[in-house]
Amino acid sequence: MPEQAGFALRGRNPDVLTCIANLSNDEVFTPPAFANRMLDTLAEAWVASHGGANHWADPTVRFLDPFTKSGVFLREITSRL
């Protein structure tokens, strides 16, 4: 019978992109919390300059992430749509 690991996740399902952002190496990943703060700031600026319109509900709005590596921004954007 195979041995079990000496630990349990106790129902925790960690966010893989948060785990990647916390890795210690030469690559720099954007933490999901920072991406969300930037998207909140974008939403506030959009409302202020477009008469209170919600850009998340506007089908003509497009998003571009030309430096996509881990996909943090794109994942957070799609979760808001």
C-alpha atoms as a PDB file:
ATOM      1  CA  MET A   1       0.000   0.000   0.000  1.00  0.00           C
ATOM      2  CA  PRO A   2       1.495   3.413  -0.931  1.00  0.00           C
ATOM      3  CA  GLU A   3       2.424   5.778   1.876  1.00  0.00           C
ATOM      4  CA  GLN A   4       0.456   8.970   2.270  1.00  0.00           C
ATOM      5  CA  ALA A   5       2.054  12.382   2.422  1.00  0.00           C
ATOM      6  CA  GLY A   6       2.687  13.752   5.908  1.00  0.00           C
ATOM      7  CA  PHE A   7       0.433  16.763   5.336  1.00  0.00           C
ATOM      8  CA  ALA A   8      -3.090  17.562   4.174  1.00  0.00           C
ATOM      9  CA  LEU A   9      -4.428  20.573   2.308  1.00  0.00           C
ATOM     10  CA  ARG A  10      -7.454  20.633   4.652  1.00  0.00           C
ATOM     11  CA  GLY A  11      -9.851  21.649   1.912  1.00  0.00           C
ATOM     12  CA  ARG A  12      -7.637  24.490   0.706  1.00  0.00           C
ATOM     13  CA  ASN A  13      -7.485  24.949  -3.042  1.00  0.00           C
ATOM     14  CA  PRO A  14      -4.674  27.481  -3.614  1.00  0.00           C
ATOM     15  CA  ASP A  15      -4.779  29.841  -6.584  1.00  0.00           C
ATOM     16  CA  VAL A  16      -2.088  28.611  -8.973  1.00  0.00           C
ATOM     17  CA  LEU A  17      -1.297  32.136 -10.203  1.00  0.00           C
ATOM     18  CA  THR A  18      -0.761  33.349  -6.639  1.00  0.00           C
ATOM     19  CA  CYS A  19       1.610  30.428  -6.096  1.00  0.00           C
ATOM     20  CA  ILE A  20       3.533  31.311  -9.267  1.00  0.00           C
ATOM     21  CA  ALA A  21       3.782  34.960  -8.199  1.00  0.00           C
ATOM     22  CA  ASN A  22       5.369  33.848  -4.922  1.00  0.00           C
ATOM     23  CA  LEU A  23       8.078  31.695  -6.503  1.00  0.00           C
ATOM     24  CA  SER A  24      11.628  32.779  -5.873  1.00  0.00           C
ATOM     25  CA  ASN A  25      13.458  33.050  -9.191  1.00  0.00           C
ATOM     26  CA  ASP A  26      14.524  35.691 -11.710  1.00  0.00           C
ATOM     27  CA  GLU A  27      11.114  35.988 -13.346  1.00  0.00           C
ATOM     28  CA  VAL A  28       8.689  38.608 -12.080  1.00  0.00           C
ATOM     29  CA  PHE A  29       5.008  37.677 -12.038  1.00  0.00           C
ATOM     30  CA  THR A  30       2.191  40.075 -11.251  1.00  0.00           C
ATOM     31  CA  PRO A  31       0.342  39.002  -8.108  1.00  0.00           C
ATOM     32  CA  PRO A  32      -3.412  38.624  -8.742  1.00  0.00           C
ATOM     33  CA  ALA A  33      -4.204  41.078  -5.928  1.00  0.00           C
ATOM     34  CA  PHE A  34      -2.163  43.784  -7.693  1.00  0.00           C
ATOM     35  CA  ALA A  35      -3.843  43.065 -11.038  1.00  0.00           C
ATOM     36  CA  ASN A  36      -7.237  43.418  -9.350  1.00  0.00           C
ATOM     37  CA  ARG A  37      -6.258  46.764  -7.798  1.00  0.00           C
ATOM     38  CA  MET A  38      -5.210  48.012 -11.246  1.00  0.00           C
ATOM     39  CA  LEU A  39      -8.495  46.837 -12.772  1.00  0.00           C
ATOM     40  CA  ASP A  40     -10.424  48.577  -9.960  1.00  0.00           C
ATOM     41  CA  THR A  41      -8.514  51.787 -10.721  1.00  0.00           C
ATOM     42  CA  LEU A  42      -9.310  51.406 -14.424  1.00  0.00           C
ATOM     43  CA  ALA A  43     -13.016  50.985 -13.621  1.00  0.00           C
ATOM     44  CA  GLU A  44     -13.018  54.119 -11.437  1.00  0.00           C
ATOM     45  CA  ALA A  45     -11.278  56.174 -14.152  1.00  0.00           C
ATOM     46  CA  TRP A  46     -13.684  54.874 -16.806  1.00  0.00           C
ATOM     47  CA  VAL A  47     -16.726  55.831 -14.725  1.00  0.00           C
ATOM     48  CA  ALA A  48     -15.308  59.297 -14.085  1.00  0.00           C
ATOM     49  CA  SER A  49     -14.568  60.005 -17.751  1.00  0.00           C
ATOM     50  CA  HIS A  50     -17.605  58.310 -19.343  1.00  0.00           C
ATOM     51  CA  GLY A  51     -20.500  59.713 -17.355  1.00  0.00           C
ATOM     52  CA  GLY A  52     -20.836  56.808 -14.948  1.00  0.00           C
ATOM     53  CA  ALA A  53     -20.862  54.117 -17.662  1.00  0.00           C
ATOM     54  CA  ASN A  54     -19.778  50.607 -16.714  1.00  0.00           C
ATOM     55  CA  HIS A  55     -16.998  49.444 -19.040  1.00  0.00           C
ATOM     56  CA  TRP A  56     -17.469  45.811 -17.942  1.00  0.00           C
ATOM     57  CA  ALA A  57     -20.967  45.876 -19.472  1.00  0.00           C
ATOM     58  CA  ASP A  58     -19.942  47.648 -22.699  1.00  0.00           C
ATOM     59  CA  PRO A  59     -19.511  45.083 -25.524  1.00  0.00           C
ATOM     60  CA  THR A  60     -17.419  47.544 -27.570  1.00  0.00           C
ATOM     61  CA  VAL A  61     -14.639  47.720 -24.965  1.00  0.00           C
ATOM     62  CA  ARG A  62     -11.570  45.614 -25.820  1.00  0.00           C
ATOM     63  CA  PHE A  63      -8.697  44.523 -23.595  1.00  0.00           C
ATOM     64  CA  LEU A  64      -5.123  43.878 -24.699  1.00  0.00           C
ATOM     65  CA  ASP A  65      -2.296  42.432 -22.631  1.00  0.00           C
ATOM     66  CA  PRO A  66       0.692  42.461 -25.009  1.00  0.00           C
ATOM     67  CA  PHE A  67       3.091  41.129 -22.372  1.00  0.00           C
ATOM     68  CA  THR A  68       1.063  38.119 -21.275  1.00  0.00           C
ATOM     69  CA  LYS A  69       3.199  35.585 -19.449  1.00  0.00           C
ATOM     70  CA  SER A  70       1.194  33.902 -16.725  1.00  0.00           C
ATOM     71  CA  GLY A  71      -2.151  35.369 -17.852  1.00  0.00           C
ATOM     72  CA  VAL A  72      -2.971  37.036 -14.527  1.00  0.00           C
ATOM     73  CA  PHE A  73      -4.528  40.170 -16.053  1.00  0.00           C
ATOM     74  CA  LEU A  74      -6.482  38.258 -18.699  1.00  0.00           C
ATOM     75  CA  ARG A  75      -7.847  35.808 -16.118  1.00  0.00           C
ATOM     76  CA  GLU A  76      -8.933  38.621 -13.791  1.00  0.00           C
ATOM     77  CA  ILE A  77     -10.515  40.511 -16.708  1.00  0.00           C
ATOM     78  CA  THR A  78     -12.502  37.480 -17.847  1.00  0.00           C
ATOM     79  CA  SER A  79     -13.688  36.831 -14.301  1.00  0.00           C
ATOM     80  CA  ARG A  80     -15.213  40.333 -14.272  1.00  0.00           C
ATOM     81  CA  LEU A  81     -16.980  40.062 -17.623  1.00  0.00           C
END
